[in-house]
Protein backbone atom coordinates (compact mmCIF):
# COMPACT_ATOMS: atom_id res chain seq x y z
CA MET A 1 -22.82 8.78 10.37
CA ARG A 2 -24.41 5.78 12.07
CA ILE A 3 -24.42 5.69 15.86
CA PHE A 4 -23.87 2.48 17.86
CA LEU A 5 -23.93 1.92 21.60
CA ASP A 6 -20.84 0.46 23.28
CA SER A 7 -22.13 -1.49 26.29
CA VAL A 8 -23.22 -4.81 27.81
CA ASP A 9 -25.41 -3.25 30.52
CA PHE A 10 -28.89 -4.54 29.70
CA LYS A 11 -30.70 -1.66 31.42
CA GLU A 12 -28.55 0.93 29.65
CA ILE A 13 -29.15 -0.80 26.34
CA GLU A 14 -32.93 -0.81 26.75
CA GLU A 15 -32.99 2.88 27.66
CA ALA A 16 -30.55 3.93 24.94
CA PHE A 17 -32.40 2.15 22.13
CA GLU A 18 -35.62 3.90 23.13
CA LEU A 19 -34.09 7.02 21.53
CA GLY A 20 -34.70 5.39 18.16
CA VAL A 21 -31.44 6.57 16.59
CA LEU A 22 -29.06 3.70 17.32
CA LYS A 23 -28.15 1.27 14.56
CA GLY A 24 -26.58 -1.42 16.70
CA LEU A 25 -24.48 -2.47 19.67
CA THR A 26 -20.78 -3.18 20.11
CA THR A 27 -19.41 -5.28 22.96
CA THR A 28 -16.02 -6.32 24.32
CA PRO A 29 -14.76 -9.07 26.62
CA THR A 30 -13.60 -6.30 28.94
CA PHE A 31 -17.17 -5.02 29.33
CA MET A 32 -18.36 -8.57 30.02
CA HIS A 33 -15.69 -8.97 32.70
CA ARG A 34 -16.49 -5.65 34.36
CA LYS A 35 -20.17 -6.52 34.54
CA GLY A 36 -19.41 -9.90 36.08
CA ILE A 37 -20.92 -11.82 33.17
CA THR A 38 -19.78 -15.43 33.27
CA ASP A 39 -22.26 -16.93 30.79
CA ILE A 40 -20.90 -15.11 27.74
CA ASN A 41 -22.85 -17.20 25.23
CA GLY A 42 -26.07 -16.58 27.15
CA ALA A 43 -25.38 -12.85 27.16
CA ILE A 44 -24.73 -12.87 23.41
CA VAL A 45 -28.04 -14.64 22.77
CA LYS A 46 -29.92 -12.16 24.95
CA LEU A 47 -28.25 -9.17 23.32
CA SER A 48 -29.02 -10.47 19.83
CA LYS A 49 -32.70 -10.28 20.71
CA MET A 50 -32.43 -6.69 21.93
CA VAL A 51 -30.65 -4.87 19.08
CA PRO A 52 -30.79 -4.79 15.25
CA GLU A 53 -27.04 -5.31 14.78
CA LEU A 54 -24.73 -6.91 17.32
CA HIS A 55 -20.92 -6.82 17.23
CA VAL A 56 -19.28 -9.59 19.29
CA GLU A 57 -15.70 -10.68 19.80
CA ALA A 58 -14.30 -13.73 18.00
CA LEU A 59 -10.93 -14.18 19.69
CA GLY A 60 -8.27 -16.66 18.73
CA GLU A 61 -4.49 -16.97 18.66
CA ASP A 62 -4.50 -17.87 14.97
CA ALA A 63 -6.89 -17.76 12.03
CA ASP A 64 -8.25 -21.27 12.66
CA GLN A 65 -9.11 -20.47 16.28
CA ILE A 66 -10.81 -17.25 15.23
CA ILE A 67 -12.89 -19.13 12.67
CA ARG A 68 -13.82 -21.82 15.19
CA LYS A 69 -14.92 -19.17 17.70
CA ALA A 70 -17.04 -17.47 15.06
CA HIS A 71 -18.67 -20.77 14.12
CA GLU A 72 -19.34 -21.49 17.81
CA ILE A 73 -21.17 -18.17 18.11
CA LEU A 74 -23.11 -18.86 14.93
CA SER A 75 -24.33 -22.14 16.43
CA LEU A 76 -26.12 -20.23 19.20
CA PRO A 77 -29.88 -19.53 18.93
CA LEU A 78 -29.34 -15.93 17.83
CA LYS A 79 -32.11 -13.71 16.52
CA THR A 80 -29.80 -12.04 14.01
CA LYS A 81 -26.42 -12.93 12.57
CA PRO A 82 -23.70 -10.98 14.42
CA VAL A 83 -20.79 -8.92 13.18
CA PHE A 84 -17.55 -10.54 14.35
CA LYS A 85 -15.03 -8.26 16.03
CA ILE A 86 -11.39 -9.27 15.56
CA PRO A 87 -8.31 -7.36 16.83
CA VAL A 88 -6.12 -6.48 13.84
CA SER A 89 -3.16 -8.78 13.14
CA ASN A 90 -1.87 -10.97 10.31
CA HIS A 91 -3.92 -13.83 11.74
CA SER A 92 -7.06 -11.71 11.89
CA ILE A 93 -6.61 -10.47 8.32
CA LYS A 94 -6.44 -14.10 7.17
CA ALA A 95 -9.48 -14.98 9.31
CA CYS A 96 -11.36 -11.92 8.04
CA THR A 97 -10.83 -13.01 4.43
CA ARG A 98 -12.21 -16.47 5.18
CA LEU A 99 -15.17 -15.27 7.24
CA VAL A 100 -16.16 -12.75 4.57
CA ALA A 101 -15.95 -15.52 1.94
CA GLU A 102 -18.44 -17.48 4.07
CA GLY A 103 -20.84 -14.53 3.97
CA ASN A 104 -20.11 -13.08 7.40
CA LEU A 105 -19.61 -9.47 8.45
CA VAL A 106 -16.36 -8.60 10.22
CA ASN A 107 -15.29 -5.63 12.34
CA VAL A 108 -11.50 -5.35 12.48
CA HIS A 109 -10.76 -3.24 15.53
CA LEU A 110 -7.91 -2.02 17.73
CA VAL A 111 -6.71 -0.20 14.61
CA TYR A 112 -4.05 2.44 15.21
CA THR A 113 -2.47 2.95 11.77
CA LEU A 114 -3.59 3.52 8.19
CA ASN A 115 -1.70 0.40 7.10
CA GLN A 116 -3.68 -1.77 9.52
CA GLY A 117 -6.94 -0.27 8.31
CA TYR A 118 -5.98 -0.67 4.65
CA LEU A 119 -5.25 -4.39 5.06
CA ALA A 120 -8.60 -4.87 6.80
CA MET A 121 -10.41 -3.10 3.97
CA GLU A 122 -8.61 -5.22 1.39
CA ALA A 123 -9.63 -8.34 3.36
CA GLY A 124 -13.28 -7.32 3.01
CA ALA A 125 -13.95 -6.04 6.54
CA SER A 126 -17.36 -4.42 6.92
CA TYR A 127 -15.97 -2.15 9.63
CA VAL A 128 -12.57 -0.81 10.58
CA CYS A 129 -12.41 0.51 14.13
CA PRO A 130 -9.77 3.12 15.08
CA LEU A 131 -9.63 3.84 18.83
CA VAL A 132 -9.53 7.62 19.10
CA GLY A 133 -9.51 7.87 22.89
CA ARG A 134 -6.50 5.64 23.34
CA LEU A 135 -4.62 7.37 20.53
CA HIS A 136 -5.32 10.75 22.09
CA ASP A 137 -4.06 9.44 25.43
CA GLN A 138 -0.72 8.75 23.73
CA GLY A 139 -0.55 12.20 22.16
CA HIS A 140 -1.43 11.17 18.60
CA ASP A 141 -3.78 12.95 16.20
CA ALA A 142 -6.49 10.31 16.25
CA ILE A 143 -8.95 12.28 14.13
CA ALA A 144 -6.35 12.59 11.37
CA LEU A 145 -6.23 8.78 11.27
CA VAL A 146 -10.04 8.63 11.05
CA SER A 147 -9.97 11.09 8.17
CA ASP A 148 -7.22 9.13 6.38
CA LEU A 149 -9.12 5.86 6.77
CA ALA A 150 -12.39 7.39 5.52
CA GLU A 151 -10.61 8.96 2.55
CA THR A 152 -8.94 5.68 1.68
CA ALA A 153 -12.22 3.75 1.81
CA ASP A 154 -13.94 6.32 -0.41
CA LYS A 155 -11.01 6.83 -2.80
CA TYR A 156 -10.55 3.15 -3.59
CA GLY A 157 -14.18 2.16 -3.47
CA TYR A 158 -14.05 -0.09 -0.41
CA GLU A 159 -17.43 -0.79 1.15
CA THR A 160 -15.80 -0.79 4.58
CA GLN A 161 -17.26 1.61 7.11
CA ILE A 162 -14.87 3.48 9.37
CA MET A 163 -16.25 3.15 12.90
CA VAL A 164 -14.82 5.50 15.52
CA SER A 165 -14.48 3.82 18.92
CA SER A 166 -12.91 4.46 22.34
CA VAL A 167 -15.04 7.61 22.50
CA ARG A 168 -14.50 9.55 25.72
CA HIS A 169 -16.70 12.62 25.29
CA ALA A 170 -19.12 14.40 22.96
CA GLU A 171 -16.31 16.28 21.23
CA HIS A 172 -14.99 12.99 19.86
CA VAL A 173 -18.36 12.44 18.20
CA ARG A 174 -18.35 15.91 16.66
CA GLN A 175 -14.84 15.37 15.32
CA ALA A 176 -15.81 11.97 13.94
CA ILE A 177 -18.68 13.55 12.00
CA LEU A 178 -16.40 16.21 10.50
CA ALA A 179 -13.70 13.64 9.68
CA GLY A 180 -16.13 11.67 7.52
CA ALA A 181 -16.46 8.59 9.73
CA HIS A 182 -19.23 6.25 8.63
CA ALA A 183 -20.08 5.06 12.13
CA CYS A 184 -19.29 5.80 15.75
CA THR A 185 -19.79 3.62 18.80
CA VAL A 186 -20.26 5.48 22.05
CA PRO A 187 -20.73 4.62 25.72
CA TYR A 188 -24.09 5.33 27.33
CA SER A 189 -22.74 8.30 29.32
CA VAL A 190 -21.58 10.07 26.15
CA LEU A 191 -24.74 9.22 24.19
CA MET A 192 -26.91 10.83 26.86
CA LYS A 193 -24.88 14.06 26.68
CA LEU A 194 -24.93 14.57 22.91
CA CYS A 195 -28.00 16.83 23.19
CA ASP A 196 -26.70 18.73 26.21
CA ASN A 197 -26.08 22.44 25.78
CA SER A 198 -26.46 25.13 28.43
CA LEU A 199 -27.95 27.65 25.98
CA THR A 200 -30.49 25.09 24.75
CA ASN A 201 -31.41 24.22 28.33
CA GLU A 202 -31.78 27.89 29.23
CA GLY A 203 -33.95 28.59 26.20
CA THR A 204 -36.13 25.55 26.83
CA THR A 205 -36.63 26.55 30.45
CA LYS A 206 -37.74 30.02 29.32
CA PHE A 207 -40.20 28.51 26.85
CA PHE A 208 -41.76 26.40 29.60
CA GLU A 209 -41.92 29.40 31.92
CA HIS A 210 -43.57 31.62 29.32
CA THR A 211 -45.98 28.87 28.33
CA LYS A 212 -47.06 28.51 31.95
CA LEU A 213 -47.56 32.26 32.21
CA MET A 214 -49.83 32.30 29.17
CA THR A 215 -51.75 29.06 29.66
CA VAL A 216 -51.80 28.02 33.32
CA LYS A 217 -54.44 29.49 35.59
CA VAL A 218 -54.05 30.56 39.20
CA LYS A 219 -56.41 27.82 40.38
CA ASP A 220 -54.08 25.22 38.90
CA VAL A 221 -51.17 26.14 41.18
CA ILE A 222 -52.66 27.26 44.49
CA ARG A 223 -52.16 24.92 47.42
CA LYS A 224 -54.98 22.70 48.67
CA TYR A 225 -55.09 24.63 51.97
CA ASN A 226 -57.51 27.54 52.21
CA PRO A 227 -57.02 29.10 55.66
CA VAL A 228 -60.00 31.27 56.62
CA CYS A 229 -61.22 32.89 59.83
CA GLY A 230 -64.46 34.58 60.83
CA LYS A 231 -64.37 38.18 61.97
CA ASP A 232 -65.14 37.05 65.53
CA GLU A 233 -62.28 34.55 65.72
CA THR A 234 -59.08 35.54 67.53
CA LEU A 235 -55.57 36.35 66.38
CA LEU A 236 -54.50 33.11 68.03
CA ASP A 237 -56.95 31.20 65.80
CA ALA A 238 -55.44 32.94 62.76
CA ALA A 239 -51.89 32.12 63.87
CA VAL A 240 -52.80 28.44 64.29
CA LYS A 241 -54.37 28.27 60.83
CA MET A 242 -51.40 29.97 59.20
CA THR A 243 -49.09 27.50 60.92
CA GLU A 244 -51.16 24.49 59.86
CA SER A 245 -51.40 25.64 56.25
CA ARG A 246 -47.79 26.84 56.06
CA LEU A 247 -49.08 29.99 54.42
CA GLY A 248 -48.35 33.51 55.58
CA ALA A 249 -51.93 34.76 55.60
CA VAL A 250 -55.56 33.94 56.31
CA SER A 251 -58.69 35.22 54.60
CA ILE A 252 -61.24 36.86 56.88
CA LEU A 253 -64.91 36.11 56.12
CA ASP A 254 -68.01 38.11 56.96
CA GLU A 255 -71.15 36.55 58.38
CA ASN A 256 -72.27 35.52 54.86
CA GLY A 257 -69.02 33.75 53.97
CA PHE A 258 -67.77 36.47 51.64
CA LEU A 259 -64.33 38.00 51.77
CA ALA A 260 -64.07 40.80 54.31
CA GLY A 261 -60.31 41.18 54.77
CA ILE A 262 -56.91 39.58 55.17
CA PHE A 263 -54.54 39.04 58.07
CA THR A 264 -50.89 38.14 57.51
CA ASP A 265 -48.02 36.84 59.61
CA GLY A 266 -46.44 40.26 59.10
CA ASP A 267 -49.51 41.88 60.64
CA LEU A 268 -49.27 39.50 63.61
CA ARG A 269 -45.61 40.31 64.29
CA ARG A 270 -46.19 44.04 63.94
CA HIS A 271 -49.14 44.12 66.37
CA LEU A 272 -47.31 41.91 68.87
CA ARG A 273 -44.40 44.36 68.91
CA GLN A 274 -46.69 47.32 69.30
CA LYS A 275 -49.28 46.01 71.78
CA GLY A 276 -47.88 42.88 73.40
CA LYS A 277 -48.91 39.25 73.55
CA ASP A 278 -52.30 39.89 75.14
CA ILE A 279 -53.73 40.77 71.72
CA VAL A 280 -53.70 37.12 70.65
CA ASN A 281 -57.16 36.77 72.20
CA CYS A 282 -58.57 39.82 70.43
CA LYS A 283 -60.99 39.52 67.53
CA MET A 284 -59.86 39.55 63.91
CA SER A 285 -62.25 42.37 63.10
CA ASP A 286 -60.05 44.72 65.16
CA PHE A 287 -56.84 43.95 63.26
CA MET A 288 -57.64 42.72 59.76
CA ASN A 289 -56.85 44.62 56.58
CA ASN A 290 -60.21 45.61 55.07
CA ASN A 291 -58.82 46.10 51.54
CA PRO A 292 -57.16 42.81 50.59
CA SER A 293 -55.63 42.29 47.16
CA THR A 294 -57.37 39.53 45.26
CA ILE A 295 -57.08 37.66 42.01
CA SER A 296 -59.61 35.52 40.18
CA SER A 297 -59.03 31.78 40.23
CA ASP A 298 -59.40 31.85 36.42
CA ALA A 299 -56.70 34.48 35.97
CA LEU A 300 -53.54 33.45 34.11
CA LEU A 301 -50.27 33.24 36.01
CA CYS A 302 -48.87 36.18 34.06
CA GLU A 303 -51.39 38.42 35.85
CA ALA A 304 -50.22 37.14 39.24
CA VAL A 305 -46.57 37.62 38.30
CA ASN A 306 -47.26 41.19 37.18
CA PHE A 307 -48.97 41.91 40.50
CA PHE A 308 -46.15 40.57 42.65
CA SER A 309 -43.59 42.37 40.49
CA SER A 310 -45.28 45.74 41.01
CA HIS A 311 -46.32 45.38 44.67
CA GLU A 312 -44.47 44.54 47.84
CA TYR A 313 -46.94 41.87 48.84
CA ASP A 314 -46.22 38.21 49.45
CA ASN A 315 -49.80 36.88 49.26
CA LEU A 316 -52.82 37.20 47.00
CA ILE A 317 -56.26 35.95 47.97
CA VAL A 318 -57.75 33.83 45.19
CA VAL A 319 -61.50 34.35 44.81
CA GLU A 320 -64.46 32.96 42.95
CA ASN A 321 -67.59 35.14 42.99
CA GLY A 322 -66.36 37.01 46.02
CA VAL A 323 -65.60 33.89 48.03
CA PRO A 324 -61.95 33.05 48.84
CA VAL A 325 -60.90 29.64 47.53
CA GLY A 326 -57.21 29.81 48.39
CA ILE A 327 -54.13 31.95 48.80
CA LEU A 328 -51.39 32.37 46.21
CA ASP A 329 -48.04 32.82 47.91
CA ILE A 330 -45.19 34.48 46.03
CA GLN A 331 -43.04 31.44 46.88
CA ASP A 332 -45.39 29.29 44.79
CA LEU A 333 -44.29 31.25 41.73
CA VAL A 334 -40.65 31.22 42.79
CA LYS A 335 -40.72 27.41 42.92
CA LEU A 336 -42.18 27.36 39.41
CA GLY A 337 -39.28 29.53 38.24
CA LEU A 338 -41.63 32.36 37.26
CA ILE A 339 -40.20 34.89 39.72
CA GLY A 340 -36.51 35.22 40.52
C-alpha cells in the first residue's frame, strides 16, 4: 500500500518526506483555506517542486468548468504533471473520461458508495478515494466499502487504485492495509504515530540503557566539577565547595595531592548535630572518612551501577593513578535512566 501525505503545511511536508516512504501529496481547498493561503496557484507551483506526485483540486459546477480548471492548472510552471482531484458526480464522471482521454491522471474523491467508485473506475480514474473517517462518524462500516472497492478493481481488471482518505488515527491505516487498499493518504499527526508502540519504546530504552552500561565509561558522565579540600582546610571550606559544585561530597587530598579521604554532606549534618556549629572551623583531617570508596575513571558504568546497587552510598570518588578527578553521584545515573 502506497502512503501519501494529506497536507498543505510546507514545514510538515518537508519533514514528512524526509522519512523516504511517501509517494506523494494530496491537498484540498479546505486545507488551503485553513492555512490562510490566498495565492492558490502559487502554492500549487511550490508544492509541485517539493513532492513526486501532487494531487490538486479541479473544481467546477459542470464538466466544462472542471476541464477548464484542469487546463488552467496545467498552464502553471509545474515541475511535474498533477493528479486532478474531482468530487464524484455525474459531471465529474464525464470530466474524468475527457481528462483521461487527454492523458491526465484523475482522483475521484468524496466517494461513499460502491456505485460511485465503480463509475469512477469505468471512467478511467487513476484513484478512487473513499472517506473512511467521515463514514465512521455516520456509523457506517467504512472499511467494508474499502474492501468492496478494492475487490471490484481487482476482479474486473481496473487499473484504478483505491486510496483511503479522511484518516483519523493509526488504526484506520492498519484496517486499510488489511482491506487491500492500494493507497492511503494520512495527515502529518497520524503519519508520525505509525511507528509508536509503548512496548517498542520500552524495549528501545532498555537497549540504550544496556549499551551505555557496557560501553560508556565513568569519565564520560562525571560532572566537570571536582571539589577537593586539603587536610588542613576547614569544614566550612568543604561546605562551600559542595555548595558550589552541587555535589554531596568533597575529596580530601594529602600533602602530595593524592586521595586521603572523603567528606560528605551527610557527615557535615551528623557532626553538626552531635557537636554544634563551632566545628565548621575545625580541620578536615579530624572529620574525614579515611577509607573512601573509589572507582577508576576508565571503569564502565555497569561497575558503578553494581556498586550503588549493593551499597548505601550516594557518591563515588573517581580516580586516575590515585588522584581524584571527579565525583560520581548516584543521581547522575538516575538521570541517565540506569538506576530507578
